[in-house]
């Protein structure tokens, strides 16, 4: 019987995924990252976003509203 490969949920998202997650455009996500409002993770030349940090960003803007 073949071993089942566990499903891994991604923790790091690229610009398109984080934009979809937040319900904004990719351009808006890039602006938030450039302004330092969205923390980014650099792996080589790739810019990624930790879902935990994105959730924290959401909580911050909820409190500010």
PDB file of N, CA and C in Angstrom:
ATOM      1  N   UNK A   1       0.851  -1.172   0.000  1.00  0.00           N
ATOM      2  CA  UNK A   1       0.000   0.000   0.000  1.00  0.00           C
ATOM      3  C   UNK A   1       0.902   1.242   0.000  1.00  0.00           C
ATOM      4  N   UNK A   2       0.716   2.159  -0.953  1.00  0.00           N
ATOM      5  CA  UNK A   2       1.554   3.365  -0.997  1.00  0.00           C
ATOM      6  C   UNK A   2       1.271   4.286   0.184  1.00  0.00           C
ATOM      7  N   UNK A   3       2.341   4.951   0.628  1.00  0.00           N
ATOM      8  CA  UNK A   3       2.190   5.895   1.750  1.00  0.00           C
ATOM      9  C   UNK A   3       1.511   7.167   1.267  1.00  0.00           C
ATOM     10  N   UNK A   4       0.626   7.683   2.073  1.00  0.00           N
ATOM     11  CA  UNK A   4      -0.062   8.928   1.736  1.00  0.00           C
ATOM     12  C   UNK A   4       0.880  10.100   1.975  1.00  0.00           C
ATOM     13  N   UNK A   5       0.895  10.999   1.050  1.00  0.00           N
ATOM     14  CA  UNK A   5       1.705  12.206   1.199  1.00  0.00           C
ATOM     15  C   UNK A   5       0.849  13.246   1.916  1.00  0.00           C
ATOM     16  N   UNK A   6       1.339  13.762   3.051  1.00  0.00           N
ATOM     17  CA  UNK A   6       0.528  14.738   3.777  1.00  0.00           C
ATOM     18  C   UNK A   6       0.367  16.026   2.982  1.00  0.00           C
ATOM     19  N   UNK A   7      -0.796  16.620   3.116  1.00  0.00           N
ATOM     20  CA  UNK A   7      -1.060  17.898   2.462  1.00  0.00           C
ATOM     21  C   UNK A   7      -0.420  18.999   3.281  1.00  0.00           C
ATOM     22  N   UNK A   8       0.304  19.872   2.611  1.00  0.00           N
ATOM     23  CA  UNK A   8       0.967  20.978   3.287  1.00  0.00           C
ATOM     24  C   UNK A   8       0.280  22.270   2.864  1.00  0.00           C
ATOM     25  N   UNK A   9      -0.135  23.034   3.847  1.00  0.00           N
ATOM     26  CA  UNK A   9      -0.743  24.325   3.552  1.00  0.00           C
ATOM     27  C   UNK A   9       0.364  25.365   3.491  1.00  0.00           C
ATOM     28  N   UNK A  10       0.362  26.159   2.439  1.00  0.00           N
ATOM     29  CA  UNK A  10       1.409  27.166   2.265  1.00  0.00           C
ATOM     30  C   UNK A  10       1.270  28.262   3.304  1.00  0.00           C
ATOM     31  N   UNK A  11       2.392  28.658   3.859  1.00  0.00           N
ATOM     32  CA  UNK A  11       2.409  29.750   4.824  1.00  0.00           C
ATOM     33  C   UNK A  11       2.847  31.050   4.168  1.00  0.00           C
ATOM     34  N   UNK A  12       3.651  30.946   3.113  1.00  0.00           N
ATOM     35  CA  UNK A  12       4.145  32.133   2.426  1.00  0.00           C
ATOM     36  C   UNK A  12       3.394  32.320   1.117  1.00  0.00           C
ATOM     37  N   UNK A  13       2.965  33.550   0.874  1.00  0.00           N
ATOM     38  CA  UNK A  13       2.189  33.880  -0.319  1.00  0.00           C
ATOM     39  C   UNK A  13       2.922  34.916  -1.149  1.00  0.00           C
ATOM     40  N   UNK A  14       2.784  34.829  -2.463  1.00  0.00           N
ATOM     41  CA  UNK A  14       3.316  35.843  -3.366  1.00  0.00           C
ATOM     42  C   UNK A  14       2.324  36.992  -3.499  1.00  0.00           C
ATOM     43  N   UNK A  15       2.695  37.982  -4.296  1.00  0.00           N
ATOM     44  CA  UNK A  15       1.824  39.142  -4.488  1.00  0.00           C
ATOM     45  C   UNK A  15       0.415  38.773  -4.958  1.00  0.00           C
ATOM     46  N   UNK A  16       0.266  37.920  -5.972  1.00  0.00           N
ATOM     47  CA  UNK A  16      -1.106  37.609  -6.423  1.00  0.00           C
ATOM     48  C   UNK A  16      -1.951  36.946  -5.338  1.00  0.00           C
ATOM     49  N   UNK A  17      -1.335  36.018  -4.580  1.00  0.00           N
ATOM     50  CA  UNK A  17      -2.091  35.322  -3.533  1.00  0.00           C
ATOM     51  C   UNK A  17      -2.435  36.244  -2.374  1.00  0.00           C
ATOM     52  N   UNK A  18      -1.498  37.098  -1.966  1.00  0.00           N
ATOM     53  CA  UNK A  18      -1.785  37.998  -0.849  1.00  0.00           C
ATOM     54  C   UNK A  18      -2.834  39.035  -1.255  1.00  0.00           C
ATOM     55  N   UNK A  19      -2.798  39.462  -2.512  1.00  0.00           N
ATOM     56  CA  UNK A  19      -3.810  40.401  -2.994  1.00  0.00           C
ATOM     57  C   UNK A  19      -5.195  39.754  -2.952  1.00  0.00           C
ATOM     58  N   UNK A  20      -5.275  38.520  -3.405  1.00  0.00           N
ATOM     59  CA  UNK A  20      -6.546  37.790  -3.359  1.00  0.00           C
ATOM     60  C   UNK A  20      -6.997  37.591  -1.920  1.00  0.00           C
ATOM     61  N   UNK A  21      -6.076  37.222  -1.051  1.00  0.00           N
ATOM     62  CA  UNK A  21      -6.372  36.999   0.371  1.00  0.00           C
ATOM     63  C   UNK A  21      -6.968  38.250   1.013  1.00  0.00           C
ATOM     64  N   UNK A  22      -6.417  39.418   0.635  1.00  0.00           N
ATOM     65  CA  UNK A  22      -6.882  40.684   1.205  1.00  0.00           C
ATOM     66  C   UNK A  22      -8.041  41.301   0.425  1.00  0.00           C
ATOM     67  N   UNK A  23      -8.312  40.793  -0.772  1.00  0.00           N
ATOM     68  CA  UNK A  23      -9.382  41.354  -1.590  1.00  0.00           C
ATOM     69  C   UNK A  23      -9.000  42.684  -2.223  1.00  0.00           C
ATOM     70  N   UNK A  24      -7.719  42.838  -2.543  1.00  0.00           N
ATOM     71  CA  UNK A  24      -7.221  44.075  -3.152  1.00  0.00           C
ATOM     72  C   UNK A  24      -6.459  43.720  -4.426  1.00  0.00           C
ATOM     73  N   UNK A  25      -6.048  44.743  -5.151  1.00  0.00           N
ATOM     74  CA  UNK A  25      -5.274  44.506  -6.367  1.00  0.00           C
ATOM     75  C   UNK A  25      -3.814  44.191  -6.017  1.00  0.00           C
ATOM     76  N   UNK A  26      -3.121  43.603  -6.981  1.00  0.00           N
ATOM     77  CA  UNK A  26      -1.696  43.325  -6.803  1.00  0.00           C
ATOM     78  C   UNK A  26      -0.953  44.647  -6.623  1.00  0.00           C
ATOM     79  N   UNK A  27      -1.352  45.651  -7.374  1.00  0.00           N
ATOM     80  CA  UNK A  27      -0.705  46.963  -7.253  1.00  0.00           C
ATOM     81  C   UNK A  27      -0.864  47.531  -5.840  1.00  0.00           C
ATOM     82  N   UNK A  28      -2.050  47.403  -5.268  1.00  0.00           N
ATOM     83  CA  UNK A  28      -2.282  47.883  -3.899  1.00  0.00           C
ATOM     84  C   UNK A  28      -1.437  47.092  -2.900  1.00  0.00           C
ATOM     85  N   UNK A  29      -1.298  45.797  -3.116  1.00  0.00           N
ATOM     86  CA  UNK A  29      -0.462  44.972  -2.234  1.00  0.00           C
ATOM     87  C   UNK A  29       0.992  45.424  -2.316  1.00  0.00           C
ATOM     88  N   UNK A  30       1.454  45.730  -3.528  1.00  0.00           N
ATOM     89  CA  UNK A  30       2.832  46.201  -3.696  1.00  0.00           C
ATOM     90  C   UNK A  30       3.034  47.542  -3.002  1.00  0.00           C
ATOM     91  N   UNK A  31       2.035  48.409  -3.061  1.00  0.00           N
ATOM     92  CA  UNK A  31       2.135  49.705  -2.388  1.00  0.00           C
ATOM     93  C   UNK A  31       2.198  49.532  -0.872  1.00  0.00           C
ATOM     94  N   UNK A  32       1.375  48.639  -0.327  1.00  0.00           N
ATOM     95  CA  UNK A  32       1.391  48.388   1.116  1.00  0.00           C
ATOM     96  C   UNK A  32       2.746  47.832   1.554  1.00  0.00           C
ATOM     97  N   UNK A  33       3.315  46.958   0.743  1.00  0.00           N
ATOM     98  CA  UNK A  33       4.631  46.400   1.066  1.00  0.00           C
ATOM     99  C   UNK A  33       5.701  47.480   0.981  1.00  0.00           C
ATOM    100  N   UNK A  34       5.629  48.298  -0.052  1.00  0.00           N
ATOM    101  CA  UNK A  34       6.610  49.376  -0.229  1.00  0.00           C
ATOM    102  C   UNK A  34       6.552  50.376   0.930  1.00  0.00           C
ATOM    103  N   UNK A  35       5.345  50.638   1.434  1.00  0.00           N
ATOM    104  CA  UNK A  35       5.159  51.567   2.558  1.00  0.00           C
ATOM    105  C   UNK A  35       5.534  50.928   3.895  1.00  0.00           C
ATOM    106  N   UNK A  36       5.812  49.628   3.893  1.00  0.00           N
ATOM    107  CA  UNK A  36       6.184  48.934   5.126  1.00  0.00           C
ATOM    108  C   UNK A  36       4.992  48.518   5.969  1.00  0.00           C
ATOM    109  N   UNK A  37       3.795  48.621   5.430  1.00  0.00           N
ATOM    110  CA  UNK A  37       2.595  48.238   6.173  1.00  0.00           C
ATOM    111  C   UNK A  37       2.377  46.728   6.149  1.00  0.00           C
ATOM    112  N   UNK A  38       2.803  46.091   5.072  1.00  0.00           N
ATOM    113  CA  UNK A  38       2.777  44.634   4.966  1.00  0.00           C
ATOM    114  C   UNK A  38       4.212  44.141   5.054  1.00  0.00           C
ATOM    115  N   UNK A  39       4.503  43.333   6.059  1.00  0.00           N
ATOM    116  CA  UNK A  39       5.851  42.798   6.212  1.00  0.00           C
ATOM    117  C   UNK A  39       6.117  41.769   5.131  1.00  0.00           C
ATOM    118  N   UNK A  40       7.315  41.813   4.554  1.00  0.00           N
ATOM    119  CA  UNK A  40       7.651  40.872   3.497  1.00  0.00           C
ATOM    120  C   UNK A  40       8.819  39.995   3.903  1.00  0.00           C
ATOM    121  N   UNK A  41       8.892  38.842   3.278  1.00  0.00           N
ATOM    122  CA  UNK A  41       9.963  37.882   3.476  1.00  0.00           C
ATOM    123  C   UNK A  41      10.680  37.770   2.140  1.00  0.00           C
ATOM    124  N   UNK A  42      11.974  38.002   2.137  1.00  0.00           N
ATOM    125  CA  UNK A  42      12.756  37.888   0.910  1.00  0.00           C
ATOM    126  C   UNK A  42      13.491  36.561   0.907  1.00  0.00           C
ATOM    127  N   UNK A  43      13.243  35.763  -0.101  1.00  0.00           N
ATOM    128  CA  UNK A  43      13.954  34.508  -0.297  1.00  0.00           C
ATOM    129  C   UNK A  43      14.574  34.602  -1.682  1.00  0.00           C
ATOM    130  N   UNK A  44      15.880  34.825  -1.697  1.00  0.00           N
ATOM    131  CA  UNK A  44      16.538  35.112  -2.964  1.00  0.00           C
ATOM    132  C   UNK A  44      15.996  36.432  -3.484  1.00  0.00           C
ATOM    133  N   UNK A  45      15.485  36.424  -4.685  1.00  0.00           N
ATOM    134  CA  UNK A  45      14.892  37.640  -5.249  1.00  0.00           C
ATOM    135  C   UNK A  45      13.368  37.628  -5.175  1.00  0.00           C
ATOM    136  N   UNK A  46      12.810  36.587  -4.549  1.00  0.00           N
ATOM    137  CA  UNK A  46      11.343  36.495  -4.422  1.00  0.00           C
ATOM    138  C   UNK A  46      10.857  37.254  -3.203  1.00  0.00           C
ATOM    139  N   UNK A  47       9.757  37.973  -3.376  1.00  0.00           N
ATOM    140  CA  UNK A  47       9.092  38.683  -2.287  1.00  0.00           C
ATOM    141  C   UNK A  47       7.864  37.867  -1.909  1.00  0.00           C
ATOM    142  N   UNK A  48       7.817  37.460  -0.639  1.00  0.00           N
ATOM    143  CA  UNK A  48       6.715  36.642  -0.150  1.00  0.00           C
ATOM    144  C   UNK A  48       6.165  37.253   1.126  1.00  0.00           C
ATOM    145  N   UNK A  49       4.981  36.799   1.517  1.00  0.00           N
ATOM    146  CA  UNK A  49       4.311  37.325   2.697  1.00  0.00           C
ATOM    147  C   UNK A  49       3.855  36.170   3.563  1.00  0.00           C
ATOM    148  N   UNK A  50       4.173  36.263   4.846  1.00  0.00           N
ATOM    149  CA  UNK A  50       3.770  35.256   5.818  1.00  0.00           C
ATOM    150  C   UNK A  50       2.297  35.494   6.158  1.00  0.00           C
ATOM    151  N   UNK A  51       1.489  34.453   6.065  1.00  0.00           N
ATOM    152  CA  UNK A  51       0.055  34.563   6.345  1.00  0.00           C
ATOM    153  C   UNK A  51      -0.178  35.098   7.758  1.00  0.00           C
ATOM    154  N   UNK A  52       0.672  34.726   8.696  1.00  0.00           N
ATOM    155  CA  UNK A  52       0.540  35.209  10.079  1.00  0.00           C
ATOM    156  C   UNK A  52       0.676  36.732  10.112  1.00  0.00           C
ATOM    157  N   UNK A  53       1.659  37.276   9.369  1.00  0.00           N
ATOM    158  CA  UNK A  53       1.843  38.729   9.311  1.00  0.00           C
ATOM    159  C   UNK A  53       0.673  39.412   8.611  1.00  0.00           C
ATOM    160  N   UNK A  54       0.144  38.775   7.583  1.00  0.00           N
ATOM    161  CA  UNK A  54      -1.001  39.352   6.858  1.00  0.00           C
ATOM    162  C   UNK A  54      -2.219  39.388   7.780  1.00  0.00           C
ATOM    163  N   UNK A  55      -2.430  38.327   8.541  1.00  0.00           N
ATOM    164  CA  UNK A  55      -3.539  38.316   9.502  1.00  0.00           C
ATOM    165  C   UNK A  55      -3.349  39.402  10.563  1.00  0.00           C
ATOM    166  N   UNK A  56      -2.118  39.599  11.003  1.00  0.00           N
ATOM    167  CA  UNK A  56      -1.816  40.653  11.977  1.00  0.00           C
ATOM    168  C   UNK A  56      -2.126  42.029  11.377  1.00  0.00           C
ATOM    169  N   UNK A  57      -1.765  42.238  10.118  1.00  0.00           N
ATOM    170  CA  UNK A  57      -2.078  43.484   9.420  1.00  0.00           C
ATOM    171  C   UNK A  57      -3.587  43.722   9.405  1.00  0.00           C
ATOM    172  N   UNK A  58      -4.354  42.682   9.126  1.00  0.00           N
ATOM    173  CA  UNK A  58      -5.815  42.809   9.113  1.00  0.00           C
ATOM    174  C   UNK A  58      -6.325  43.228  10.480  1.00  0.00           C
ATOM    175  N   UNK A  59      -5.807  42.612  11.533  1.00  0.00           N
ATOM    176  CA  UNK A  59      -6.237  42.963  12.897  1.00  0.00           C
ATOM    177  C   UNK A  59      -5.893  44.423  13.212  1.00  0.00           C
ATOM    178  N   UNK A  60      -4.727  44.884  12.776  1.00  0.00           N
ATOM    179  CA  UNK A  60      -4.337  46.271  13.023  1.00  0.00           C
ATOM    180  C   UNK A  60      -5.280  47.255  12.348  1.00  0.00           C
ATOM    181  N   UNK A  61      -5.632  46.991  11.091  1.00  0.00           N
ATOM    182  CA  UNK A  61      -6.500  47.943  10.394  1.00  0.00           C
ATOM    183  C   UNK A  61      -7.926  47.857  10.908  1.00  0.00           C
ATOM    184  N   UNK A  62      -8.326  46.712  11.456  1.00  0.00           N
ATOM    185  CA  UNK A  62      -9.654  46.603  12.068  1.00  0.00           C
ATOM    186  C   UNK A  62      -9.732  47.483  13.311  1.00  0.00           C
ATOM    187  N   UNK A  63      -8.655  47.493  14.096  1.00  0.00           N
ATOM    188  CA  UNK A  63      -8.643  48.298  15.324  1.00  0.00           C
ATOM    189  C   UNK A  63      -8.597  49.780  15.015  1.00  0.00           C
ATOM    190  N   UNK A  64      -7.947  50.137  13.902  1.00  0.00           N
ATOM    191  CA  UNK A  64      -7.803  51.547  13.525  1.00  0.00           C
ATOM    192  C   UNK A  64      -9.096  52.116  12.967  1.00  0.00           C
ATOM    193  N   UNK A  65     -10.002  51.253  12.527  1.00  0.00           N
ATOM    194  CA  UNK A  65     -11.253  51.715  11.905  1.00  0.00           C
ATOM    195  C   UNK A  65     -12.263  52.151  12.937  1.00  0.00           C
TER     196      UNK A  65
END
